[in-house]
PDB file of N, CA and C in Angstrom:
ATOM      1  N   MET A   1     -11.159 -12.967 -48.597  1.00  0.00           N
ATOM      2  CA  MET A   1     -10.446 -12.495 -47.420  1.00  0.00           C
ATOM      3  C   MET A   1      -9.168 -11.790 -47.867  1.00  0.00           C
ATOM      4  N   THR A   2      -8.893 -10.624 -47.315  1.00  0.00           N
ATOM      5  CA  THR A   2      -7.697  -9.870 -47.691  1.00  0.00           C
ATOM      6  C   THR A   2      -6.570 -10.130 -46.702  1.00  0.00           C
ATOM      7  N   GLN A   3      -5.351 -10.049 -47.205  1.00  0.00           N
ATOM      8  CA  GLN A   3      -4.167 -10.233 -46.365  1.00  0.00           C
ATOM      9  C   GLN A   3      -3.851  -8.948 -45.631  1.00  0.00           C
ATOM     10  N   SER A   4      -3.220  -9.103 -44.476  1.00  0.00           N
ATOM     11  CA  SER A   4      -2.729  -7.909 -43.799  1.00  0.00           C
ATOM     12  C   SER A   4      -1.566  -7.363 -44.622  1.00  0.00           C
ATOM     13  N   PRO A   5      -1.325  -6.058 -44.568  1.00  0.00           N
ATOM     14  CA  PRO A   5      -0.208  -5.489 -45.330  1.00  0.00           C
ATOM     15  C   PRO A   5       1.142  -6.129 -44.988  1.00  0.00           C
ATOM     16  N   ALA A   6       1.380  -6.446 -43.722  1.00  0.00           N
ATOM     17  CA  ALA A   6       2.657  -7.052 -43.331  1.00  0.00           C
ATOM     18  C   ALA A   6       2.830  -8.428 -43.969  1.00  0.00           C
ATOM     19  N   ILE A   7       1.763  -9.217 -43.982  1.00  0.00           N
ATOM     20  CA  ILE A   7       1.823 -10.552 -44.589  1.00  0.00           C
ATOM     21  C   ILE A   7       2.055 -10.427 -46.091  1.00  0.00           C
ATOM     22  N   LYS A   8       1.405  -9.456 -46.725  1.00  0.00           N
ATOM     23  CA  LYS A   8       1.588  -9.246 -48.161  1.00  0.00           C
ATOM     24  C   LYS A   8       3.035  -8.872 -48.472  1.00  0.00           C
ATOM     25  N   LEU A   9       3.609  -7.932 -47.720  1.00  0.00           N
ATOM     26  CA  LEU A   9       4.992  -7.526 -47.954  1.00  0.00           C
ATOM     27  C   LEU A   9       5.950  -8.689 -47.742  1.00  0.00           C
ATOM     28  N   LEU A  10       5.743  -9.439 -46.697  1.00  0.00           N
ATOM     29  CA  LEU A  10       6.595 -10.585 -46.401  1.00  0.00           C
ATOM     30  C   LEU A  10       6.516 -11.622 -47.518  1.00  0.00           C
ATOM     31  N   ALA A  11       5.325 -11.866 -48.030  1.00  0.00           N
ATOM     32  CA  ALA A  11       5.149 -12.831 -49.121  1.00  0.00           C
ATOM     33  C   ALA A  11       5.868 -12.363 -50.392  1.00  0.00           C
ATOM     34  N   ILE A  12       5.788 -11.081 -50.684  1.00  0.00           N
ATOM     35  CA  ILE A  12       6.465 -10.540 -51.876  1.00  0.00           C
ATOM     36  C   ILE A  12       7.970 -10.703 -51.739  1.00  0.00           C
ATOM     37  N   VAL A  13       8.516 -10.346 -50.585  1.00  0.00           N
ATOM     38  CA  VAL A  13       9.958 -10.452 -50.378  1.00  0.00           C
ATOM     39  C   VAL A  13      10.406 -11.906 -50.467  1.00  0.00           C
ATOM     40  N   HIS A  14       9.662 -12.822 -49.872  1.00  0.00           N
ATOM     41  CA  HIS A  14      10.043 -14.234 -49.919  1.00  0.00           C
ATOM     42  C   HIS A  14       9.912 -14.804 -51.325  1.00  0.00           C
ATOM     43  N   GLU A  15       8.947 -14.349 -52.072  1.00  0.00           N
ATOM     44  CA  GLU A  15       8.785 -14.810 -53.452  1.00  0.00           C
ATOM     45  C   GLU A  15       9.940 -14.339 -54.327  1.00  0.00           C
ATOM     46  N   ARG A  16      10.346 -13.089 -54.162  1.00  0.00           N
ATOM     47  CA  ARG A  16      11.399 -12.490 -54.989  1.00  0.00           C
ATOM     48  C   ARG A  16      12.804 -12.785 -54.450  1.00  0.00           C
ATOM     49  N   GLN A  17      12.941 -13.087 -53.172  1.00  0.00           N
ATOM     50  CA  GLN A  17      14.211 -13.290 -52.477  1.00  0.00           C
ATOM     51  C   GLN A  17      14.981 -11.983 -52.254  1.00  0.00           C
ATOM     52  N   ARG A  18      15.084 -11.123 -53.272  1.00  0.00           N
ATOM     53  CA  ARG A  18      15.689  -9.796 -53.168  1.00  0.00           C
ATOM     54  C   ARG A  18      14.826  -8.836 -53.961  1.00  0.00           C
ATOM     55  N   ILE A  19      14.551  -7.679 -53.377  1.00  0.00           N
ATOM     56  CA  ILE A  19      13.738  -6.687 -54.080  1.00  0.00           C
ATOM     57  C   ILE A  19      14.109  -5.289 -53.590  1.00  0.00           C
ATOM     58  N   PRO A  20      14.331  -4.371 -54.517  1.00  0.00           N
ATOM     59  CA  PRO A  20      14.589  -2.989 -54.097  1.00  0.00           C
ATOM     60  C   PRO A  20      13.337  -2.397 -53.431  1.00  0.00           C
ATOM     61  N   LEU A  21      13.549  -1.523 -52.472  1.00  0.00           N
ATOM     62  CA  LEU A  21      12.431  -0.907 -51.758  1.00  0.00           C
ATOM     63  C   LEU A  21      11.486  -0.208 -52.733  1.00  0.00           C
ATOM     64  N   GLU A  22      12.022   0.471 -53.724  1.00  0.00           N
ATOM     65  CA  GLU A  22      11.167   1.182 -54.698  1.00  0.00           C
ATOM     66  C   GLU A  22      10.270   0.215 -55.469  1.00  0.00           C
ATOM     67  N   GLU A  23      10.782  -0.971 -55.772  1.00  0.00           N
ATOM     68  CA  GLU A  23       9.968  -1.975 -56.475  1.00  0.00           C
ATOM     69  C   GLU A  23       8.871  -2.507 -55.558  1.00  0.00           C
ATOM     70  N   LEU A  24       9.215  -2.701 -54.300  1.00  0.00           N
ATOM     71  CA  LEU A  24       8.216  -3.158 -53.328  1.00  0.00           C
ATOM     72  C   LEU A  24       7.095  -2.135 -53.209  1.00  0.00           C
ATOM     73  N   LEU A  25       7.452  -0.859 -53.205  1.00  0.00           N
ATOM     74  CA  LEU A  25       6.441   0.196 -53.146  1.00  0.00           C
ATOM     75  C   LEU A  25       5.487   0.105 -54.334  1.00  0.00           C
ATOM     76  N   ALA A  26       6.020  -0.194 -55.516  1.00  0.00           N
ATOM     77  CA  ALA A  26       5.190  -0.310 -56.713  1.00  0.00           C
ATOM     78  C   ALA A  26       4.249  -1.515 -56.636  1.00  0.00           C
ATOM     79  N   CYS A  27       4.622  -2.531 -55.871  1.00  0.00           N
ATOM     80  CA  CYS A  27       3.781  -3.728 -55.707  1.00  0.00           C
ATOM     81  C   CYS A  27       2.612  -3.487 -54.753  1.00  0.00           C
ATOM     82  N   CYS A  28       2.657  -2.386 -54.024  1.00  0.00           N
ATOM     83  CA  CYS A  28       1.642  -2.096 -53.008  1.00  0.00           C
ATOM     84  C   CYS A  28       1.085  -0.685 -53.176  1.00  0.00           C
ATOM     85  N   PRO A  29       0.416  -0.416 -54.294  1.00  0.00           N
ATOM     86  CA  PRO A  29      -0.065   0.951 -54.536  1.00  0.00           C
ATOM     87  C   PRO A  29      -1.116   1.429 -53.528  1.00  0.00           C
ATOM     88  N   GLU A  30      -1.723   0.492 -52.817  1.00  0.00           N
ATOM     89  CA  GLU A  30      -2.735   0.861 -51.830  1.00  0.00           C
ATOM     90  C   GLU A  30      -2.129   1.396 -50.533  1.00  0.00           C
ATOM     91  N   LEU A  31      -0.791   1.252 -50.387  1.00  0.00           N
ATOM     92  CA  LEU A  31      -0.107   1.712 -49.181  1.00  0.00           C
ATOM     93  C   LEU A  31       0.740   2.946 -49.488  1.00  0.00           C
ATOM     94  N   SER A  32       0.845   3.831 -48.531  1.00  0.00           N
ATOM     95  CA  SER A  32       1.703   5.005 -48.702  1.00  0.00           C
ATOM     96  C   SER A  32       3.158   4.588 -48.475  1.00  0.00           C
ATOM     97  N   TRP A  33       4.068   5.484 -48.877  1.00  0.00           N
ATOM     98  CA  TRP A  33       5.494   5.240 -48.656  1.00  0.00           C
ATOM     99  C   TRP A  33       5.752   5.058 -47.161  1.00  0.00           C
ATOM    100  N   ASN A  34       5.147   5.888 -46.342  1.00  0.00           N
ATOM    101  CA  ASN A  34       5.342   5.798 -44.889  1.00  0.00           C
ATOM    102  C   ASN A  34       4.842   4.471 -44.323  1.00  0.00           C
ATOM    103  N   GLN A  35       3.709   4.001 -44.820  1.00  0.00           N
ATOM    104  CA  GLN A  35       3.178   2.719 -44.342  1.00  0.00           C
ATOM    105  C   GLN A  35       4.114   1.576 -44.707  1.00  0.00           C
ATOM    106  N   VAL A  36       4.596   1.567 -45.942  1.00  0.00           N
ATOM    107  CA  VAL A  36       5.505   0.499 -46.380  1.00  0.00           C
ATOM    108  C   VAL A  36       6.797   0.555 -45.572  1.00  0.00           C
ATOM    109  N   PHE A  37       7.377   1.744 -45.419  1.00  0.00           N
ATOM    110  CA  PHE A  37       8.636   1.849 -44.688  1.00  0.00           C
ATOM    111  C   PHE A  37       8.457   1.419 -43.229  1.00  0.00           C
ATOM    112  N   SER A  38       7.351   1.772 -42.615  1.00  0.00           N
ATOM    113  CA  SER A  38       7.085   1.370 -41.239  1.00  0.00           C
ATOM    114  C   SER A  38       6.985  -0.156 -41.120  1.00  0.00           C
ATOM    115  N   LEU A  39       6.295  -0.774 -42.070  1.00  0.00           N
ATOM    116  CA  LEU A  39       6.186  -2.239 -42.063  1.00  0.00           C
ATOM    117  C   LEU A  39       7.543  -2.900 -42.300  1.00  0.00           C
ATOM    118  N   VAL A  40       8.318  -2.364 -43.239  1.00  0.00           N
ATOM    119  CA  VAL A  40       9.653  -2.891 -43.518  1.00  0.00           C
ATOM    120  C   VAL A  40      10.530  -2.762 -42.270  1.00  0.00           C
ATOM    121  N   ASP A  41      10.468  -1.633 -41.609  1.00  0.00           N
ATOM    122  CA  ASP A  41      11.232  -1.416 -40.383  1.00  0.00           C
ATOM    123  C   ASP A  41      10.860  -2.444 -39.324  1.00  0.00           C
ATOM    124  N   ASP A  42       9.575  -2.654 -39.133  1.00  0.00           N
ATOM    125  CA  ASP A  42       9.102  -3.618 -38.133  1.00  0.00           C
ATOM    126  C   ASP A  42       9.532  -5.045 -38.494  1.00  0.00           C
ATOM    127  N   LEU A  43       9.363  -5.432 -39.758  1.00  0.00           N
ATOM    128  CA  LEU A  43       9.736  -6.789 -40.183  1.00  0.00           C
ATOM    129  C   LEU A  43      11.242  -7.015 -40.056  1.00  0.00           C
ATOM    130  N   SER A  44      12.033  -5.995 -40.352  1.00  0.00           N
ATOM    131  CA  SER A  44      13.486  -6.168 -40.243  1.00  0.00           C
ATOM    132  C   SER A  44      13.922  -6.211 -38.773  1.00  0.00           C
ATOM    133  N   ARG A  45      13.278  -5.439 -37.923  1.00  0.00           N
ATOM    134  CA  ARG A  45      13.620  -5.467 -36.490  1.00  0.00           C
ATOM    135  C   ARG A  45      13.276  -6.809 -35.849  1.00  0.00           C
ATOM    136  N   HIS A  46      12.285  -7.501 -36.419  1.00  0.00           N
ATOM    137  CA  HIS A  46      11.918  -8.827 -35.921  1.00  0.00           C
ATOM    138  C   HIS A  46      12.636  -9.937 -36.685  1.00  0.00           C
ATOM    139  N   ALA A  47      13.643  -9.562 -37.482  1.00  0.00           N
ATOM    140  CA  ALA A  47      14.480 -10.508 -38.242  1.00  0.00           C
ATOM    141  C   ALA A  47      13.672 -11.394 -39.185  1.00  0.00           C
ATOM    142  N   LEU A  48      12.601 -10.824 -39.758  1.00  0.00           N
ATOM    143  CA  LEU A  48      11.809 -11.572 -40.733  1.00  0.00           C
ATOM    144  C   LEU A  48      12.253 -11.267 -42.158  1.00  0.00           C
ATOM    145  N   ILE A  49      12.896 -10.119 -42.340  1.00  0.00           N
ATOM    146  CA  ILE A  49      13.505  -9.755 -43.619  1.00  0.00           C
ATOM    147  C   ILE A  49      14.808  -9.025 -43.328  1.00  0.00           C
ATOM    148  N   GLY A  50      15.672  -8.983 -44.322  1.00  0.00           N
ATOM    149  CA  GLY A  50      16.901  -8.214 -44.200  1.00  0.00           C
ATOM    150  C   GLY A  50      16.748  -6.914 -44.975  1.00  0.00           C
ATOM    151  N   LEU A  51      17.273  -5.834 -44.445  1.00  0.00           N
ATOM    152  CA  LEU A  51      17.222  -4.531 -45.096  1.00  0.00           C
ATOM    153  C   LEU A  51      18.661  -4.065 -45.268  1.00  0.00           C
ATOM    154  N   HIS A  52      19.078  -3.870 -46.522  1.00  0.00           N
ATOM    155  CA  HIS A  52      20.460  -3.527 -46.830  1.00  0.00           C
ATOM    156  C   HIS A  52      20.519  -2.293 -47.717  1.00  0.00           C
ATOM    157  N   ARG A  53      21.498  -1.462 -47.474  1.00  0.00           N
ATOM    158  CA  ARG A  53      21.690  -0.253 -48.280  1.00  0.00           C
ATOM    159  C   ARG A  53      22.512  -0.605 -49.510  1.00  0.00           C
ATOM    160  N   ARG A  54      22.054  -0.145 -50.670  1.00  0.00           N
ATOM    161  CA  ARG A  54      22.753  -0.319 -51.944  1.00  0.00           C
ATOM    162  C   ARG A  54      22.928   1.057 -52.560  1.00  0.00           C
ATOM    163  N   GLY A  55      24.042   1.699 -52.266  1.00  0.00           N
ATOM    164  CA  GLY A  55      24.241   3.072 -52.732  1.00  0.00           C
ATOM    165  C   GLY A  55      23.240   3.984 -52.054  1.00  0.00           C
ATOM    166  N   ALA A  56      22.420   4.647 -52.858  1.00  0.00           N
ATOM    167  CA  ALA A  56      21.396   5.540 -52.322  1.00  0.00           C
ATOM    168  C   ALA A  56      20.074   4.809 -52.097  1.00  0.00           C
ATOM    169  N   ASP A  57      20.001   3.544 -52.482  1.00  0.00           N
ATOM    170  CA  ASP A  57      18.761   2.767 -52.399  1.00  0.00           C
ATOM    171  C   ASP A  57      18.852   1.700 -51.317  1.00  0.00           C
ATOM    172  N   TYR A  58      17.702   1.101 -51.033  1.00  0.00           N
ATOM    173  CA  TYR A  58      17.640  -0.004 -50.079  1.00  0.00           C
ATOM    174  C   TYR A  58      17.122  -1.238 -50.783  1.00  0.00           C
ATOM    175  N   GLU A  59      17.628  -2.387 -50.344  1.00  0.00           N
ATOM    176  CA  GLU A  59      17.196  -3.664 -50.898  1.00  0.00           C
ATOM    177  C   GLU A  59      16.724  -4.531 -49.742  1.00  0.00           C
ATOM    178  N   LEU A  60      15.631  -5.237 -49.972  1.00  0.00           N
ATOM    179  CA  LEU A  60      15.101  -6.153 -48.981  1.00  0.00           C
ATOM    180  C   LEU A  60      15.440  -7.570 -49.397  1.00  0.00           C
ATOM    181  N   ARG A  61      15.776  -8.396 -48.422  1.00  0.00           N
ATOM    182  CA  ARG A  61      16.122  -9.796 -48.682  1.00  0.00           C
ATOM    183  C   ARG A  61      15.328 -10.702 -47.766  1.00  0.00           C
ATOM    184  N   ALA A  62      14.967 -11.834 -48.327  1.00  0.00           N
ATOM    185  CA  ALA A  62      14.283 -12.849 -47.525  1.00  0.00           C
ATOM    186  C   ALA A  62      15.314 -13.498 -46.604  1.00  0.00           C
ATOM    187  N   LEU A  63      14.933 -13.737 -45.372  1.00  0.00           N
ATOM    188  CA  LEU A  63      15.774 -14.462 -44.438  1.00  0.00           C
ATOM    189  C   LEU A  63      15.176 -15.835 -44.230  1.00  0.00           C
ATOM    190  N   SER A  64      15.999 -16.840 -44.269  1.00  0.00           N
ATOM    191  CA  SER A  64      15.509 -18.220 -44.127  1.00  0.00           C
ATOM    192  C   SER A  64      15.271 -18.597 -42.705  1.00  0.00           C
TER     193      SER A  64
END
């Protein structure tokens, strides 16, 4: 059984606690940049992950 992309992204972020968006993209080669960003946007809007700007990059954080 395969995981939904949202569940996979959430699991990666919770496992790592903090992960740059570019690293998350590398963990999900089956998804396009647009798909990952859309999922990240949705998860952050539902307060399941934190999305923070670090200079020109973004970092995702697990929320407890």
